[in-house]
N, C-alpha and C. Protein backbone atom coordinates (compact mmCIF):
# COMPACT_ATOMS: atom_id res chain seq x y z
N MET A 1 -18.84 -1.04 1.64
CA MET A 1 -18.11 -0.71 0.43
C MET A 1 -16.71 -0.18 0.77
N ILE A 2 -16.60 0.69 1.77
CA ILE A 2 -15.30 1.23 2.18
C ILE A 2 -14.38 0.10 2.65
N LYS A 3 -14.96 -0.82 3.43
CA LYS A 3 -14.17 -1.95 3.92
C LYS A 3 -13.63 -2.77 2.76
N LYS A 4 -14.48 -3.02 1.78
CA LYS A 4 -14.06 -3.79 0.61
C LYS A 4 -12.98 -3.05 -0.18
N LEU A 5 -13.14 -1.73 -0.32
CA LEU A 5 -12.18 -0.93 -1.07
C LEU A 5 -10.79 -1.02 -0.47
N PHE A 6 -10.71 -1.03 0.86
CA PHE A 6 -9.41 -1.03 1.52
C PHE A 6 -8.97 -2.40 2.05
N SER A 7 -9.66 -3.46 1.67
CA SER A 7 -9.28 -4.79 2.13
C SER A 7 -7.97 -5.22 1.48
N LYS A 8 -7.28 -6.14 2.15
CA LYS A 8 -5.99 -6.63 1.64
C LYS A 8 -6.12 -7.28 0.27
N ASN A 9 -7.27 -7.84 -0.01
CA ASN A 9 -7.45 -8.57 -1.26
C ASN A 9 -7.89 -7.71 -2.43
N ASN A 10 -8.04 -6.44 -2.22
CA ASN A 10 -8.51 -5.57 -3.28
C ASN A 10 -7.42 -5.39 -4.34
N ILE A 11 -7.72 -5.76 -5.56
CA ILE A 11 -6.75 -5.72 -6.66
C ILE A 11 -6.29 -4.29 -6.95
N LEU A 12 -7.20 -3.34 -6.94
CA LEU A 12 -6.84 -1.96 -7.24
C LEU A 12 -5.86 -1.40 -6.21
N ILE A 13 -6.11 -1.65 -4.95
CA ILE A 13 -5.21 -1.17 -3.90
C ILE A 13 -3.83 -1.82 -4.05
N LYS A 14 -3.80 -3.10 -4.35
CA LYS A 14 -2.53 -3.79 -4.57
C LYS A 14 -1.79 -3.19 -5.78
N GLN A 15 -2.54 -2.94 -6.85
CA GLN A 15 -1.91 -2.37 -8.03
C GLN A 15 -1.36 -0.98 -7.75
N ILE A 16 -2.12 -0.18 -7.05
CA ILE A 16 -1.65 1.17 -6.73
C ILE A 16 -0.40 1.09 -5.87
N SER A 17 -0.41 0.20 -4.88
CA SER A 17 0.75 0.04 -4.00
C SER A 17 1.98 -0.39 -4.79
N LYS A 18 1.82 -1.36 -5.66
CA LYS A 18 2.93 -1.82 -6.49
C LYS A 18 3.38 -0.73 -7.45
N PHE A 19 2.41 -0.02 -8.04
CA PHE A 19 2.72 1.05 -8.97
C PHE A 19 3.54 2.14 -8.28
N VAL A 20 3.15 2.47 -7.06
CA VAL A 20 3.89 3.48 -6.30
C VAL A 20 5.30 2.98 -6.00
N SER A 21 5.44 1.69 -5.67
CA SER A 21 6.77 1.12 -5.43
C SER A 21 7.64 1.21 -6.68
N VAL A 22 7.08 0.83 -7.81
CA VAL A 22 7.80 0.94 -9.08
C VAL A 22 8.09 2.42 -9.36
N GLY A 23 7.15 3.26 -9.03
CA GLY A 23 7.34 4.70 -9.21
C GLY A 23 8.52 5.23 -8.42
N PHE A 24 8.69 4.75 -7.17
CA PHE A 24 9.85 5.17 -6.38
C PHE A 24 11.15 4.73 -7.04
N LEU A 25 11.18 3.50 -7.53
CA LEU A 25 12.37 3.01 -8.22
C LEU A 25 12.65 3.85 -9.46
N ASN A 26 11.61 4.08 -10.27
CA ASN A 26 11.79 4.88 -11.48
C ASN A 26 12.15 6.32 -11.17
N THR A 27 11.59 6.85 -10.09
CA THR A 27 11.93 8.21 -9.68
C THR A 27 13.41 8.29 -9.30
N GLY A 28 13.88 7.26 -8.60
CA GLY A 28 15.30 7.21 -8.25
C GLY A 28 16.18 7.19 -9.48
N ILE A 29 15.79 6.38 -10.45
CA ILE A 29 16.55 6.31 -11.70
C ILE A 29 16.48 7.65 -12.43
N ASP A 30 15.28 8.19 -12.57
CA ASP A 30 15.06 9.44 -13.29
C ASP A 30 15.80 10.61 -12.61
N MET A 31 15.54 10.80 -11.31
CA MET A 31 16.18 11.92 -10.60
C MET A 31 17.69 11.71 -10.50
N GLY A 32 18.11 10.46 -10.25
CA GLY A 32 19.54 10.20 -10.13
C GLY A 32 20.29 10.52 -11.41
N LEU A 33 19.77 10.05 -12.53
CA LEU A 33 20.41 10.35 -13.81
C LEU A 33 20.36 11.85 -14.11
N PHE A 34 19.21 12.48 -13.85
CA PHE A 34 19.07 13.91 -14.10
C PHE A 34 20.09 14.69 -13.27
N ALA A 35 20.19 14.37 -11.97
CA ALA A 35 21.13 15.07 -11.09
C ALA A 35 22.57 14.83 -11.53
N LEU A 36 22.90 13.59 -11.86
CA LEU A 36 24.27 13.25 -12.26
C LEU A 36 24.66 13.98 -13.55
N ILE A 37 23.80 13.92 -14.55
CA ILE A 37 24.15 14.51 -15.84
C ILE A 37 24.18 16.03 -15.77
N THR A 38 23.20 16.64 -15.06
CA THR A 38 23.23 18.11 -14.93
C THR A 38 24.47 18.55 -14.17
N TRP A 39 24.86 17.77 -13.16
CA TRP A 39 26.06 18.10 -12.38
C TRP A 39 27.32 17.97 -13.23
N ILE A 40 27.41 16.88 -13.99
CA ILE A 40 28.60 16.66 -14.83
C ILE A 40 28.77 17.79 -15.84
N PHE A 41 27.68 18.21 -16.48
CA PHE A 41 27.77 19.22 -17.53
C PHE A 41 27.49 20.64 -17.04
N GLY A 42 27.05 20.78 -15.78
CA GLY A 42 26.77 22.12 -15.25
C GLY A 42 25.59 22.80 -15.93
N ILE A 43 24.64 22.02 -16.39
CA ILE A 43 23.46 22.57 -17.09
C ILE A 43 22.26 22.43 -16.16
N TYR A 44 21.68 23.56 -15.78
CA TYR A 44 20.57 23.53 -14.83
C TYR A 44 19.32 24.28 -15.31
N ALA A 45 19.29 24.72 -16.56
CA ALA A 45 18.15 25.49 -17.04
C ALA A 45 18.00 25.35 -18.55
N GLY A 46 16.84 25.78 -19.03
CA GLY A 46 16.58 25.88 -20.45
C GLY A 46 16.48 24.56 -21.19
N TYR A 47 16.82 24.62 -22.48
CA TYR A 47 16.71 23.44 -23.34
C TYR A 47 17.65 22.33 -22.91
N GLY A 48 18.82 22.68 -22.42
CA GLY A 48 19.77 21.66 -21.98
C GLY A 48 19.20 20.83 -20.84
N ALA A 49 18.63 21.50 -19.83
CA ALA A 49 18.02 20.79 -18.71
C ALA A 49 16.83 19.97 -19.18
N THR A 50 16.09 20.51 -20.13
CA THR A 50 14.93 19.80 -20.67
C THR A 50 15.36 18.52 -21.40
N LEU A 51 16.41 18.61 -22.22
CA LEU A 51 16.90 17.42 -22.94
C LEU A 51 17.44 16.36 -21.97
N ILE A 52 18.13 16.80 -20.95
CA ILE A 52 18.63 15.86 -19.94
C ILE A 52 17.45 15.21 -19.23
N SER A 53 16.43 15.99 -18.95
CA SER A 53 15.22 15.46 -18.31
C SER A 53 14.54 14.41 -19.18
N VAL A 54 14.48 14.67 -20.48
CA VAL A 54 13.88 13.71 -21.42
C VAL A 54 14.69 12.41 -21.41
N PHE A 55 15.99 12.51 -21.46
CA PHE A 55 16.84 11.32 -21.46
C PHE A 55 16.66 10.50 -20.19
N SER A 56 16.71 11.15 -19.04
CA SER A 56 16.58 10.42 -17.77
C SER A 56 15.19 9.81 -17.64
N PHE A 57 14.18 10.51 -18.14
CA PHE A 57 12.81 9.99 -18.12
C PHE A 57 12.71 8.73 -18.99
N LEU A 58 13.30 8.74 -20.16
CA LEU A 58 13.22 7.59 -21.06
C LEU A 58 13.91 6.36 -20.49
N ILE A 59 15.05 6.54 -19.86
CA ILE A 59 15.74 5.40 -19.24
C ILE A 59 14.88 4.81 -18.13
N ALA A 60 14.33 5.67 -17.28
CA ALA A 60 13.45 5.20 -16.21
C ALA A 60 12.20 4.54 -16.78
N ASN A 61 11.74 5.04 -17.91
CA ASN A 61 10.53 4.50 -18.51
C ASN A 61 10.71 3.10 -19.07
N ILE A 62 11.87 2.80 -19.59
CA ILE A 62 12.16 1.44 -20.06
C ILE A 62 12.07 0.47 -18.88
N ASN A 63 12.65 0.84 -17.78
CA ASN A 63 12.56 0.05 -16.55
C ASN A 63 11.10 -0.10 -16.14
N SER A 64 10.35 0.97 -16.24
CA SER A 64 8.94 1.00 -15.85
C SER A 64 8.10 0.00 -16.64
N PHE A 65 8.34 -0.11 -17.93
CA PHE A 65 7.54 -1.01 -18.75
C PHE A 65 7.60 -2.43 -18.21
N PHE A 66 8.80 -2.89 -17.96
CA PHE A 66 8.95 -4.28 -17.51
C PHE A 66 8.33 -4.51 -16.13
N TRP A 67 8.58 -3.61 -15.19
CA TRP A 67 8.00 -3.77 -13.85
C TRP A 67 6.47 -3.68 -13.89
N ASN A 68 5.94 -2.73 -14.65
CA ASN A 68 4.49 -2.59 -14.71
C ASN A 68 3.84 -3.76 -15.43
N LYS A 69 4.44 -4.21 -16.50
CA LYS A 69 3.86 -5.32 -17.26
C LYS A 69 3.83 -6.61 -16.46
N PHE A 70 4.97 -6.97 -15.89
CA PHE A 70 5.07 -8.29 -15.28
C PHE A 70 4.76 -8.34 -13.79
N TRP A 71 4.79 -7.21 -13.10
CA TRP A 71 4.56 -7.24 -11.67
C TRP A 71 3.29 -6.49 -11.25
N VAL A 72 3.16 -5.25 -11.68
CA VAL A 72 2.01 -4.44 -11.24
C VAL A 72 0.72 -4.93 -11.87
N PHE A 73 0.68 -5.03 -13.18
CA PHE A 73 -0.56 -5.39 -13.87
C PHE A 73 -0.58 -6.85 -14.32
N ARG A 74 0.48 -7.58 -14.06
CA ARG A 74 0.56 -9.03 -14.29
C ARG A 74 0.15 -9.44 -15.69
N GLU A 75 0.68 -8.76 -16.66
CA GLU A 75 0.40 -9.11 -18.05
C GLU A 75 1.49 -10.04 -18.54
N GLN A 76 1.24 -11.32 -18.52
CA GLN A 76 2.25 -12.31 -18.89
C GLN A 76 2.18 -12.71 -20.36
N GLY A 77 1.04 -12.52 -20.98
CA GLY A 77 0.86 -12.97 -22.36
C GLY A 77 1.73 -12.23 -23.34
N ARG A 78 2.06 -12.90 -24.42
CA ARG A 78 2.90 -12.31 -25.45
C ARG A 78 2.13 -12.01 -26.73
N LYS A 79 0.85 -12.44 -26.81
CA LYS A 79 0.16 -12.30 -28.08
C LYS A 79 -0.07 -10.84 -28.49
N ASN A 80 -0.18 -9.96 -27.52
CA ASN A 80 -0.39 -8.55 -27.82
C ASN A 80 0.79 -7.70 -27.38
N ALA A 81 1.95 -8.30 -27.23
CA ALA A 81 3.11 -7.59 -26.67
C ALA A 81 3.50 -6.36 -27.49
N ILE A 82 3.50 -6.47 -28.80
CA ILE A 82 3.89 -5.33 -29.63
C ILE A 82 2.86 -4.22 -29.54
N LYS A 83 1.59 -4.58 -29.67
CA LYS A 83 0.52 -3.59 -29.54
C LYS A 83 0.55 -2.95 -28.16
N GLU A 84 0.77 -3.76 -27.15
CA GLU A 84 0.84 -3.29 -25.77
C GLU A 84 2.01 -2.32 -25.59
N TYR A 85 3.14 -2.67 -26.17
CA TYR A 85 4.31 -1.80 -26.06
C TYR A 85 4.04 -0.44 -26.70
N PHE A 86 3.41 -0.42 -27.86
CA PHE A 86 3.14 0.85 -28.51
C PHE A 86 2.11 1.69 -27.74
N LYS A 87 1.16 1.04 -27.11
CA LYS A 87 0.24 1.77 -26.23
C LYS A 87 1.00 2.35 -25.03
N PHE A 88 1.89 1.53 -24.48
CA PHE A 88 2.72 1.99 -23.36
C PHE A 88 3.57 3.18 -23.78
N LEU A 89 4.18 3.05 -24.95
CA LEU A 89 5.03 4.12 -25.47
C LEU A 89 4.23 5.39 -25.71
N ALA A 90 3.03 5.26 -26.27
CA ALA A 90 2.19 6.43 -26.52
C ALA A 90 1.78 7.10 -25.21
N THR A 91 1.35 6.30 -24.24
CA THR A 91 0.97 6.84 -22.94
C THR A 91 2.17 7.51 -22.28
N SER A 92 3.30 6.84 -22.33
CA SER A 92 4.52 7.38 -21.73
C SER A 92 4.99 8.64 -22.44
N SER A 93 4.76 8.71 -23.76
CA SER A 93 5.16 9.89 -24.52
C SER A 93 4.37 11.12 -24.09
N VAL A 94 3.08 10.93 -23.85
CA VAL A 94 2.27 12.05 -23.34
C VAL A 94 2.80 12.47 -21.97
N ALA A 95 3.08 11.48 -21.12
CA ALA A 95 3.63 11.79 -19.79
C ALA A 95 5.00 12.46 -19.92
N LEU A 96 5.79 12.03 -20.88
CA LEU A 96 7.09 12.66 -21.13
C LEU A 96 6.90 14.12 -21.52
N GLY A 97 5.93 14.37 -22.39
CA GLY A 97 5.63 15.76 -22.77
C GLY A 97 5.24 16.60 -21.58
N ILE A 98 4.40 16.05 -20.72
CA ILE A 98 3.99 16.75 -19.50
C ILE A 98 5.21 17.00 -18.63
N ASN A 99 6.03 15.97 -18.46
CA ASN A 99 7.23 16.05 -17.63
C ASN A 99 8.18 17.15 -18.16
N ALA A 100 8.47 17.10 -19.45
CA ALA A 100 9.39 18.07 -20.05
C ALA A 100 8.84 19.49 -20.00
N LEU A 101 7.53 19.62 -20.22
CA LEU A 101 6.91 20.95 -20.19
C LEU A 101 7.01 21.57 -18.80
N VAL A 102 6.76 20.78 -17.78
CA VAL A 102 6.87 21.30 -16.40
C VAL A 102 8.30 21.74 -16.11
N VAL A 103 9.29 20.91 -16.48
CA VAL A 103 10.69 21.27 -16.25
C VAL A 103 11.05 22.54 -17.03
N TYR A 104 10.62 22.61 -18.28
CA TYR A 104 10.94 23.79 -19.09
C TYR A 104 10.32 25.06 -18.50
N ILE A 105 9.05 25.00 -18.19
CA ILE A 105 8.36 26.18 -17.64
C ILE A 105 9.02 26.64 -16.35
N MET A 106 9.26 25.69 -15.45
CA MET A 106 9.81 26.09 -14.16
C MET A 106 11.26 26.55 -14.23
N THR A 107 12.07 25.95 -15.10
CA THR A 107 13.49 26.32 -15.16
C THR A 107 13.77 27.48 -16.10
N THR A 108 12.82 27.79 -16.96
CA THR A 108 13.06 28.83 -17.96
C THR A 108 12.18 30.07 -17.76
N LEU A 109 10.93 29.86 -17.41
CA LEU A 109 9.99 30.98 -17.32
C LEU A 109 9.74 31.47 -15.89
N ILE A 110 10.05 30.64 -14.91
CA ILE A 110 9.84 31.03 -13.52
C ILE A 110 11.20 31.12 -12.84
N PRO A 111 11.63 32.32 -12.51
CA PRO A 111 12.97 32.45 -11.90
C PRO A 111 12.99 31.92 -10.47
N PRO A 112 14.10 31.28 -10.10
CA PRO A 112 14.24 30.81 -8.71
C PRO A 112 14.50 32.00 -7.79
N ILE A 113 13.55 32.29 -6.93
CA ILE A 113 13.66 33.47 -6.06
C ILE A 113 14.30 33.11 -4.72
N ILE A 114 13.83 32.06 -4.10
CA ILE A 114 14.29 31.72 -2.75
C ILE A 114 15.47 30.77 -2.77
N VAL A 115 15.49 29.86 -3.72
CA VAL A 115 16.55 28.85 -3.79
C VAL A 115 17.44 29.10 -5.01
N GLY A 116 18.56 28.44 -5.06
CA GLY A 116 19.48 28.58 -6.19
C GLY A 116 18.98 27.87 -7.42
N GLU A 117 19.66 28.11 -8.53
CA GLU A 117 19.27 27.54 -9.82
C GLU A 117 19.27 26.01 -9.81
N GLN A 118 20.28 25.42 -9.17
CA GLN A 118 20.40 23.96 -9.15
C GLN A 118 19.25 23.34 -8.36
N LEU A 119 18.96 23.84 -7.17
CA LEU A 119 17.87 23.30 -6.36
C LEU A 119 16.52 23.55 -7.04
N TRP A 120 16.39 24.66 -7.73
CA TRP A 120 15.16 24.95 -8.47
C TRP A 120 14.94 23.93 -9.59
N ALA A 121 16.02 23.56 -10.29
CA ALA A 121 15.91 22.56 -11.35
C ALA A 121 15.47 21.21 -10.78
N TYR A 122 16.01 20.84 -9.61
CA TYR A 122 15.61 19.58 -8.98
C TYR A 122 14.17 19.63 -8.50
N THR A 123 13.75 20.78 -8.01
CA THR A 123 12.36 20.97 -7.59
C THR A 123 11.43 20.83 -8.79
N ALA A 124 11.81 21.43 -9.89
CA ALA A 124 11.02 21.34 -11.12
C ALA A 124 10.89 19.89 -11.57
N LYS A 125 11.99 19.17 -11.52
CA LYS A 125 11.98 17.77 -11.94
C LYS A 125 11.09 16.95 -11.01
N ALA A 126 11.17 17.19 -9.72
CA ALA A 126 10.34 16.45 -8.76
C ALA A 126 8.85 16.71 -9.01
N LEU A 127 8.48 17.95 -9.25
CA LEU A 127 7.08 18.28 -9.55
C LEU A 127 6.64 17.63 -10.85
N ALA A 128 7.50 17.63 -11.85
CA ALA A 128 7.19 17.00 -13.13
C ALA A 128 6.93 15.51 -12.96
N ILE A 129 7.70 14.87 -12.11
CA ILE A 129 7.52 13.44 -11.86
C ILE A 129 6.18 13.17 -11.20
N VAL A 130 5.82 13.96 -10.21
CA VAL A 130 4.54 13.77 -9.51
C VAL A 130 3.36 13.93 -10.47
N ILE A 131 3.39 14.94 -11.29
CA ILE A 131 2.29 15.18 -12.23
C ILE A 131 2.19 14.05 -13.26
N SER A 132 3.32 13.64 -13.83
CA SER A 132 3.28 12.60 -14.85
C SER A 132 2.97 11.22 -14.25
N LEU A 133 3.25 11.02 -12.96
CA LEU A 133 2.96 9.76 -12.29
C LEU A 133 1.46 9.46 -12.30
N GLY A 134 0.65 10.44 -11.94
CA GLY A 134 -0.80 10.25 -11.94
C GLY A 134 -1.34 9.93 -13.32
N PHE A 135 -0.85 10.66 -14.30
CA PHE A 135 -1.28 10.41 -15.68
C PHE A 135 -0.90 8.99 -16.11
N ASN A 136 0.32 8.58 -15.79
CA ASN A 136 0.78 7.25 -16.19
C ASN A 136 -0.05 6.13 -15.58
N PHE A 137 -0.37 6.21 -14.29
CA PHE A 137 -1.15 5.13 -13.68
C PHE A 137 -2.47 4.95 -14.40
N LEU A 138 -3.17 6.04 -14.61
CA LEU A 138 -4.47 5.95 -15.29
C LEU A 138 -4.33 5.40 -16.70
N GLY A 139 -3.33 5.86 -17.43
CA GLY A 139 -3.11 5.37 -18.78
C GLY A 139 -2.73 3.91 -18.83
N TYR A 140 -1.84 3.49 -17.95
CA TYR A 140 -1.42 2.09 -17.93
C TYR A 140 -2.56 1.18 -17.51
N LYS A 141 -3.30 1.61 -16.51
CA LYS A 141 -4.39 0.78 -15.96
C LYS A 141 -5.53 0.62 -16.96
N PHE A 142 -5.94 1.72 -17.59
CA PHE A 142 -7.15 1.69 -18.41
C PHE A 142 -6.93 1.63 -19.91
N ILE A 143 -5.70 1.81 -20.35
CA ILE A 143 -5.42 1.76 -21.79
C ILE A 143 -4.43 0.64 -22.12
N VAL A 144 -3.29 0.63 -21.47
CA VAL A 144 -2.21 -0.28 -21.84
C VAL A 144 -2.43 -1.70 -21.34
N PHE A 145 -2.64 -1.85 -20.04
CA PHE A 145 -2.71 -3.19 -19.44
C PHE A 145 -4.11 -3.57 -19.02
N LYS A 146 -5.12 -3.01 -19.64
CA LYS A 146 -6.49 -3.33 -19.27
C LYS A 146 -6.79 -4.79 -19.62
N LYS A 147 -7.60 -5.38 -18.80
CA LYS A 147 -7.94 -6.80 -19.03
C LYS A 147 -9.34 -6.93 -19.53
């Protein structure tokens, strides 16, 4: 069973690998936009940082839909595209809430003791991405793109 689980032909392992690859791309988009916008406006905490986080997450999420649909989960059909998109949006919205909540809690309620405010905001965003990543894979696999 272990051999089968980790074989090259295992669909789940391939999907996870592709999902992680897409996740790196989306993380780059999300973190890059977050870092750029916070730097431009000098906003590293509170509601401002949270709103910037939401914006960068949404842009990365649009990219995510297309990569996950057509490459990771290989959903080529169009007959359920609208229903599928709304499931994706709902799943992503929950992940967005998780993402924003982590950023808000860490940048507003937990003071940066060892590192500066800017590095603390980036740390918060990185943790938010990791937590929402796990939720997204399960939601996309078993709710959005299930076969």
